PDB file of all heavy atoms in Angstrom:
ATOM      1  N   LYS A   1     -90.192 102.859-183.974  1.00  0.00           N
ATOM      2  CA  LYS A   1     -90.019 101.413-184.118  1.00  0.00           C
ATOM      3  C   LYS A   1     -88.598 101.063-183.687  1.00  0.00           C
ATOM      4  O   LYS A   1     -87.615 101.546-184.340  1.00  0.00           O
ATOM      5  CB  LYS A   1     -90.322 100.948-185.512  1.00  0.00           C
ATOM      6  CG  LYS A   1     -90.117  99.427-185.750  1.00  0.00           C
ATOM      7  CD  LYS A   1     -90.509  99.048-187.176  1.00  0.00           C
ATOM      8  CE  LYS A   1     -90.189  97.596-187.426  1.00  0.00           C
ATOM      9  NZ  LYS A   1     -90.959  96.658-186.603  1.00  0.00           N
ATOM     10  N   ASP A   2     -88.467 100.275-182.684  1.00  0.00           N
ATOM     11  CA  ASP A   2     -87.110  99.844-182.189  1.00  0.00           C
ATOM     12  C   ASP A   2     -86.686  98.678-182.942  1.00  0.00           C
ATOM     13  O   ASP A   2     -87.136  97.545-182.799  1.00  0.00           O
ATOM     14  CB  ASP A   2     -87.187  99.577-180.678  1.00  0.00           C
ATOM     15  CG  ASP A   2     -85.834  99.303-180.041  1.00  0.00           C
ATOM     16  OD1 ASP A   2     -84.887  99.118-180.832  1.00  0.00           O
ATOM     17  OD2 ASP A   2     -85.731  99.468-178.808  1.00  0.00           O
ATOM     18  N   MET A   3     -85.669  98.868-183.880  1.00  0.00           N
ATOM     19  CA  MET A   3     -85.197  97.743-184.743  1.00  0.00           C
ATOM     20  C   MET A   3     -84.459  96.713-184.009  1.00  0.00           C
ATOM     21  O   MET A   3     -84.262  95.604-184.499  1.00  0.00           O
ATOM     22  CB  MET A   3     -84.370  98.353-185.827  1.00  0.00           C
ATOM     23  CG  MET A   3     -85.113  99.454-186.664  1.00  0.00           C
ATOM     24  SD  MET A   3     -86.527  98.855-187.486  1.00  0.00           S
ATOM     25  CE  MET A   3     -85.832  97.739-188.699  1.00  0.00           C
ATOM     26  N   MET A   4     -84.036  96.959-182.800  1.00  0.00           N
ATOM     27  CA  MET A   4     -83.267  96.035-181.991  1.00  0.00           C
ATOM     28  C   MET A   4     -84.092  95.316-180.973  1.00  0.00           C
ATOM     29  O   MET A   4     -83.604  94.441-180.233  1.00  0.00           O
ATOM     30  CB  MET A   4     -82.102  96.722-181.312  1.00  0.00           C
ATOM     31  CG  MET A   4     -81.113  97.381-182.271  1.00  0.00           C
ATOM     32  SD  MET A   4     -80.403  96.253-183.424  1.00  0.00           S
ATOM     33  CE  MET A   4     -79.414  95.265-182.345  1.00  0.00           C
ATOM     34  N   HIS A   5     -85.396  95.611-180.890  1.00  0.00           N
ATOM     35  CA  HIS A   5     -86.276  94.932-179.898  1.00  0.00           C
ATOM     36  C   HIS A   5     -86.532  93.544-180.408  1.00  0.00           C
ATOM     37  O   HIS A   5     -87.060  93.320-181.473  1.00  0.00           O
ATOM     38  CB  HIS A   5     -87.582  95.729-179.780  1.00  0.00           C
ATOM     39  CG  HIS A   5     -88.415  95.312-178.592  1.00  0.00           C
ATOM     40  ND1 HIS A   5     -88.968  94.052-178.542  1.00  0.00           N
ATOM     41  CD2 HIS A   5     -88.725  95.978-177.492  1.00  0.00           C
ATOM     42  CE1 HIS A   5     -89.647  94.011-177.382  1.00  0.00           C
ATOM     43  NE2 HIS A   5     -89.513  95.166-176.693  1.00  0.00           N
ATOM     44  N   SER A   6     -86.218  92.541-179.637  1.00  0.00           N
ATOM     45  CA  SER A   6     -86.236  91.173-180.060  1.00  0.00           C
ATOM     46  C   SER A   6     -87.691  90.693-180.136  1.00  0.00           C
ATOM     47  O   SER A   6     -88.410  90.687-179.128  1.00  0.00           O
ATOM     48  CB  SER A   6     -85.525  90.248-179.013  1.00  0.00           C
ATOM     49  OG  SER A   6     -85.487  88.969-179.445  1.00  0.00           O
ATOM     50  N   GLY A   7     -88.143  90.256-181.349  1.00  0.00           N
ATOM     51  CA  GLY A   7     -89.405  89.609-181.539  1.00  0.00           C
ATOM     52  C   GLY A   7     -90.595  90.529-181.302  1.00  0.00           C
ATOM     53  O   GLY A   7     -91.501  90.084-180.595  1.00  0.00           O
ATOM     54  N   LEU A   8     -90.500  91.806-181.671  1.00  0.00           N
ATOM     55  CA  LEU A   8     -91.601  92.731-181.418  1.00  0.00           C
ATOM     56  C   LEU A   8     -92.659  92.553-182.394  1.00  0.00           C
ATOM     57  O   LEU A   8     -92.446  92.594-183.634  1.00  0.00           O
ATOM     58  CB  LEU A   8     -91.118  94.209-181.499  1.00  0.00           C
ATOM     59  CG  LEU A   8     -92.130  95.317-181.235  1.00  0.00           C
ATOM     60  CD1 LEU A   8     -92.480  95.279-179.726  1.00  0.00           C
ATOM     61  CD2 LEU A   8     -91.539  96.662-181.688  1.00  0.00           C
ATOM     62  N   SER A   9     -93.885  92.210-181.955  1.00  0.00           N
ATOM     63  CA  SER A   9     -95.029  92.076-182.861  1.00  0.00           C
ATOM     64  C   SER A   9     -95.572  93.374-183.282  1.00  0.00           C
ATOM     65  O   SER A   9     -95.413  94.415-182.584  1.00  0.00           O
ATOM     66  CB  SER A   9     -96.079  91.203-182.156  1.00  0.00           C
ATOM     67  OG  SER A   9     -96.814  91.950-181.209  1.00  0.00           O
ATOM     68  N   PHE A  10     -96.352  93.338-184.330  1.00  0.00           N
ATOM     69  CA  PHE A  10     -97.022  94.601-184.803  1.00  0.00           C
ATOM     70  C   PHE A  10     -98.004  95.090-183.834  1.00  0.00           C
ATOM     71  O   PHE A  10     -98.171  96.274-183.572  1.00  0.00           O
ATOM     72  CB  PHE A  10     -97.761  94.348-186.140  1.00  0.00           C
ATOM     73  CG  PHE A  10     -98.382  95.553-186.713  1.00  0.00           C
ATOM     74  CD1 PHE A  10     -97.662  96.566-187.383  1.00  0.00           C
ATOM     75  CD2 PHE A  10     -99.720  95.791-186.579  1.00  0.00           C
ATOM     76  CE1 PHE A  10     -98.226  97.649-187.946  1.00  0.00           C
ATOM     77  CE2 PHE A  10    -100.355  96.915-187.042  1.00  0.00           C
ATOM     78  CZ  PHE A  10     -99.565  97.877-187.758  1.00  0.00           C
ATOM     79  N   THR A  11     -98.732  94.210-183.132  1.00  0.00           N
ATOM     80  CA  THR A  11     -99.698  94.567-182.057  1.00  0.00           C
ATOM     81  C   THR A  11     -98.958  95.233-180.984  1.00  0.00           C
ATOM     82  O   THR A  11     -99.467  96.285-180.380  1.00  0.00           O
ATOM     83  CB  THR A  11    -100.402  93.256-181.523  1.00  0.00           C
ATOM     84  OG1 THR A  11    -101.112  92.647-182.619  1.00  0.00           O
ATOM     85  CG2 THR A  11    -101.396  93.643-180.481  1.00  0.00           C
ATOM     86  N   GLU A  12     -97.817  94.744-180.517  1.00  0.00           N
ATOM     87  CA  GLU A  12     -96.967  95.420-179.518  1.00  0.00           C
ATOM     88  C   GLU A  12     -96.479  96.791-179.952  1.00  0.00           C
ATOM     89  O   GLU A  12     -96.456  97.712-179.165  1.00  0.00           O
ATOM     90  CB  GLU A  12     -95.876  94.500-179.045  1.00  0.00           C
ATOM     91  CG  GLU A  12     -96.326  93.269-178.385  1.00  0.00           C
ATOM     92  CD  GLU A  12     -95.210  92.175-178.271  1.00  0.00           C
ATOM     93  OE1 GLU A  12     -94.372  92.123-179.150  1.00  0.00           O
ATOM     94  OE2 GLU A  12     -95.312  91.376-177.271  1.00  0.00           O
ATOM     95  N   LEU A  13     -96.071  96.868-181.224  1.00  0.00           N
ATOM     96  CA  LEU A  13     -95.590  98.129-181.768  1.00  0.00           C
ATOM     97  C   LEU A  13     -96.690  99.187-181.664  1.00  0.00           C
ATOM     98  O   LEU A  13     -96.460 100.326-181.294  1.00  0.00           O
ATOM     99  CB  LEU A  13     -95.151  97.933-183.203  1.00  0.00           C
ATOM    100  CG  LEU A  13     -94.758  99.214-183.948  1.00  0.00           C
ATOM    101  CD1 LEU A  13     -93.483  99.834-183.359  1.00  0.00           C
ATOM    102  CD2 LEU A  13     -94.482  98.835-185.454  1.00  0.00           C
ATOM    103  N   CYS A  14     -97.942  98.779-182.008  1.00  0.00           N
ATOM    104  CA  CYS A  14     -99.103  99.750-181.978  1.00  0.00           C
ATOM    105  C   CYS A  14     -99.333 100.170-180.528  1.00  0.00           C
ATOM    106  O   CYS A  14     -99.527 101.360-180.278  1.00  0.00           O
ATOM    107  CB  CYS A  14    -100.315  99.080-182.502  1.00  0.00           C
ATOM    108  SG  CYS A  14    -100.358  98.946-184.302  1.00  0.00           S
ATOM    109  N   ALA A  15     -99.250  99.269-179.587  1.00  0.00           N
ATOM    110  CA  ALA A  15     -99.488  99.617-178.185  1.00  0.00           C
ATOM    111  C   ALA A  15     -98.468 100.565-177.689  1.00  0.00           C
ATOM    112  O   ALA A  15     -98.724 101.502-176.963  1.00  0.00           O
ATOM    113  CB  ALA A  15     -99.478  98.278-177.349  1.00  0.00           C
ATOM    114  N   MET A  16     -97.180 100.396-178.109  1.00  0.00           N
ATOM    115  CA  MET A  16     -96.046 101.301-177.693  1.00  0.00           C
ATOM    116  C   MET A  16     -96.284 102.674-178.244  1.00  0.00           C
ATOM    117  O   MET A  16     -95.844 103.714-177.613  1.00  0.00           O
ATOM    118  CB  MET A  16     -94.747 100.746-178.217  1.00  0.00           C
ATOM    119  CG  MET A  16     -94.287  99.470-177.436  1.00  0.00           C
ATOM    120  SD  MET A  16     -92.825  98.713-178.226  1.00  0.00           S
ATOM    121  CE  MET A  16     -91.681  99.985-178.055  1.00  0.00           C
ATOM    122  N   ASN A  17     -97.045 102.833-179.408  1.00  0.00           N
ATOM    123  CA  ASN A  17     -97.239 104.117-179.953  1.00  0.00           C
ATOM    124  C   ASN A  17     -98.645 104.664-179.711  1.00  0.00           C
ATOM    125  O   ASN A  17     -99.047 105.646-180.308  1.00  0.00           O
ATOM    126  CB  ASN A  17     -97.001 104.052-181.464  1.00  0.00           C
ATOM    127  CG  ASN A  17     -95.514 103.998-181.837  1.00  0.00           C
ATOM    128  OD1 ASN A  17     -94.836 104.996-181.834  1.00  0.00           O
ATOM    129  ND2 ASN A  17     -94.976 102.755-182.096  1.00  0.00           N
ATOM    130  N   GLY A  18     -99.434 103.981-178.872  1.00  0.00           N
ATOM    131  CA  GLY A  18    -100.782 104.430-178.490  1.00  0.00           C
ATOM    132  C   GLY A  18    -101.690 104.327-179.634  1.00  0.00           C
ATOM    133  O   GLY A  18    -102.657 105.068-179.766  1.00  0.00           O
ATOM    134  N   LYS A  19    -101.520 103.295-180.573  1.00  0.00           N
ATOM    135  CA  LYS A  19    -102.354 103.109-181.701  1.00  0.00           C
ATOM    136  C   LYS A  19    -103.138 101.798-181.610  1.00  0.00           C
ATOM    137  O   LYS A  19    -102.744 100.906-180.885  1.00  0.00           O
ATOM    138  CB  LYS A  19    -101.544 103.061-182.989  1.00  0.00           C
ATOM    139  CG  LYS A  19    -100.673 104.347-183.233  1.00  0.00           C
ATOM    140  CD  LYS A  19    -101.512 105.515-183.528  1.00  0.00           C
ATOM    141  CE  LYS A  19    -100.653 106.721-183.800  1.00  0.00           C
ATOM    142  NZ  LYS A  19    -101.448 107.920-184.060  1.00  0.00           N
ATOM    143  N   THR A  20    -104.255 101.733-182.331  1.00  0.00           N
ATOM    144  CA  THR A  20    -105.066 100.490-182.413  1.00  0.00           C
ATOM    145  C   THR A  20    -104.762  99.728-183.648  1.00  0.00           C
ATOM    146  O   THR A  20    -104.876 100.225-184.768  1.00  0.00           O
ATOM    147  CB  THR A  20    -106.558 100.806-182.321  1.00  0.00           C
ATOM    148  OG1 THR A  20    -106.831 101.594-181.189  1.00  0.00           O
ATOM    149  CG2 THR A  20    -107.360  99.555-182.402  1.00  0.00           C
ATOM    150  N   PRO A  21    -104.343  98.436-183.507  1.00  0.00           N
ATOM    151  CA  PRO A  21    -104.018  97.655-184.703  1.00  0.00           C
ATOM    152  C   PRO A  21    -105.241  96.988-185.388  1.00  0.00           C
ATOM    153  O   PRO A  21    -106.239  96.766-184.631  1.00  0.00           O
ATOM    154  CB  PRO A  21    -103.080  96.581-184.160  1.00  0.00           C
ATOM    155  CG  PRO A  21    -103.540  96.361-182.739  1.00  0.00           C
ATOM    156  CD  PRO A  21    -104.083  97.678-182.233  1.00  0.00           C
ATOM    157  N   SER A  22    -105.152  96.756-186.636  1.00  0.00           N
ATOM    158  CA  SER A  22    -106.113  95.966-187.318  1.00  0.00           C
ATOM    159  C   SER A  22    -105.385  95.321-188.532  1.00  0.00           C
ATOM    160  O   SER A  22    -104.313  95.761-188.875  1.00  0.00           O
ATOM    161  CB  SER A  22    -107.368  96.811-187.770  1.00  0.00           C
ATOM    162  OG  SER A  22    -106.994  97.857-188.545  1.00  0.00           O
ATOM    163  N   THR A  23    -106.098  94.395-189.130  1.00  0.00           N
ATOM    164  CA  THR A  23    -105.421  93.533-190.111  1.00  0.00           C
ATOM    165  C   THR A  23    -106.365  93.116-191.309  1.00  0.00           C
ATOM    166  O   THR A  23    -107.560  92.868-191.053  1.00  0.00           O
ATOM    167  CB  THR A  23    -104.896  92.256-189.521  1.00  0.00           C
ATOM    168  OG1 THR A  23    -103.952  92.606-188.465  1.00  0.00           O
ATOM    169  CG2 THR A  23    -104.162  91.326-190.488  1.00  0.00           C
ATOM    170  N   LYS A  24    -105.839  93.065-192.498  1.00  0.00           N
ATOM    171  CA  LYS A  24    -106.497  92.504-193.641  1.00  0.00           C
ATOM    172  C   LYS A  24    -105.683  91.345-194.097  1.00  0.00           C
ATOM    173  O   LYS A  24    -104.475  91.539-194.425  1.00  0.00           O
ATOM    174  CB  LYS A  24    -106.713  93.537-194.727  1.00  0.00           C
ATOM    175  CG  LYS A  24    -107.414  92.952-196.008  1.00  0.00           C
ATOM    176  CD  LYS A  24    -107.571  94.016-197.047  1.00  0.00           C
ATOM    177  CE  LYS A  24    -108.258  93.421-198.313  1.00  0.00           C
ATOM    178  NZ  LYS A  24    -108.461  94.489-199.311  1.00  0.00           N
ATOM    179  N   LEU A  25    -106.276  90.169-194.188  1.00  0.00           N
ATOM    180  CA  LEU A  25    -105.510  89.026-194.678  1.00  0.00           C
ATOM    181  C   LEU A  25    -105.436  89.041-196.231  1.00  0.00           C
ATOM    182  O   LEU A  25    -106.482  89.094-196.895  1.00  0.00           O
ATOM    183  CB  LEU A  25    -106.226  87.703-194.229  1.00  0.00           C
ATOM    184  CG  LEU A  25    -105.533  86.387-194.500  1.00  0.00           C
ATOM    185  CD1 LEU A  25    -104.175  86.311-193.813  1.00  0.00           C
ATOM    186  CD2 LEU A  25    -106.417  85.179-194.096  1.00  0.00           C
ATOM    187  N   LEU A  26    -104.186  88.931-196.737  1.00  0.00           N
ATOM    188  CA  LEU A  26    -103.980  88.978-198.150  1.00  0.00           C
ATOM    189  C   LEU A  26    -103.742  87.632-198.765  1.00  0.00           C
ATOM    190  O   LEU A  26    -104.130  87.325-199.906  1.00  0.00           O
ATOM    191  CB  LEU A  26    -102.795  89.864-198.480  1.00  0.00           C
ATOM    192  CG  LEU A  26    -102.961  91.357-198.024  1.00  0.00           C
ATOM    193  CD1 LEU A  26    -101.610  92.124-198.367  1.00  0.00           C
ATOM    194  CD2 LEU A  26    -104.122  92.025-198.682  1.00  0.00           C
ATOM    195  N   ALA A  27    -103.122  86.697-197.951  1.00  0.00           N
ATOM    196  CA  ALA A  27    -102.854  85.316-198.421  1.00  0.00           C
ATOM    197  C   ALA A  27    -102.617  84.486-197.224  1.00  0.00           C
ATOM    198  O   ALA A  27    -101.923  84.908-196.272  1.00  0.00           O
ATOM    199  CB  ALA A  27    -101.737  85.297-199.389  1.00  0.00           C
ATOM    200  N   ALA A  28    -103.062  83.216-197.300  1.00  0.00           N
ATOM    201  CA  ALA A  28    -102.725  82.241-196.243  1.00  0.00           C
ATOM    202  C   ALA A  28    -102.870  80.824-196.773  1.00  0.00           C
ATOM    203  O   ALA A  28    -103.923  80.513-197.359  1.00  0.00           O
ATOM    204  CB  ALA A  28    -103.657  82.435-195.032  1.00  0.00           C
ATOM    205  N   GLY A  29    -101.839  80.005-196.630  1.00  0.00           N
ATOM    206  CA  GLY A  29    -101.903  78.646-197.216  1.00  0.00           C
ATOM    207  C   GLY A  29    -100.603  77.978-197.242  1.00  0.00           C
ATOM    208  O   GLY A  29     -99.575  78.525-196.740  1.00  0.00           O
ATOM    209  N   ILE A  30    -100.585  76.826-197.836  1.00  0.00           N
ATOM    210  CA  ILE A  30     -99.327  76.028-198.043  1.00  0.00           C
ATOM    211  C   ILE A  30     -98.889  76.225-199.467  1.00  0.00           C
ATOM    212  O   ILE A  30     -99.645  75.940-200.404  1.00  0.00           O
ATOM    213  CB  ILE A  30     -99.586  74.577-197.823  1.00  0.00           C
ATOM    214  CG1 ILE A  30    -100.232  74.286-196.423  1.00  0.00           C
ATOM    215  CG2 ILE A  30     -98.268  73.793-197.920  1.00  0.00           C
ATOM    216  CD1 ILE A  30     -99.369  74.668-195.196  1.00  0.00           C
TER     217      ILE A  30
END
């Protein structure tokens, strides 16, 4: 994980490491 990479998304991080991303939503709202 390049800590200096500007605005790197988790999806992009996975792609850089040859991994497949997935997500579980824990909270969303105002």
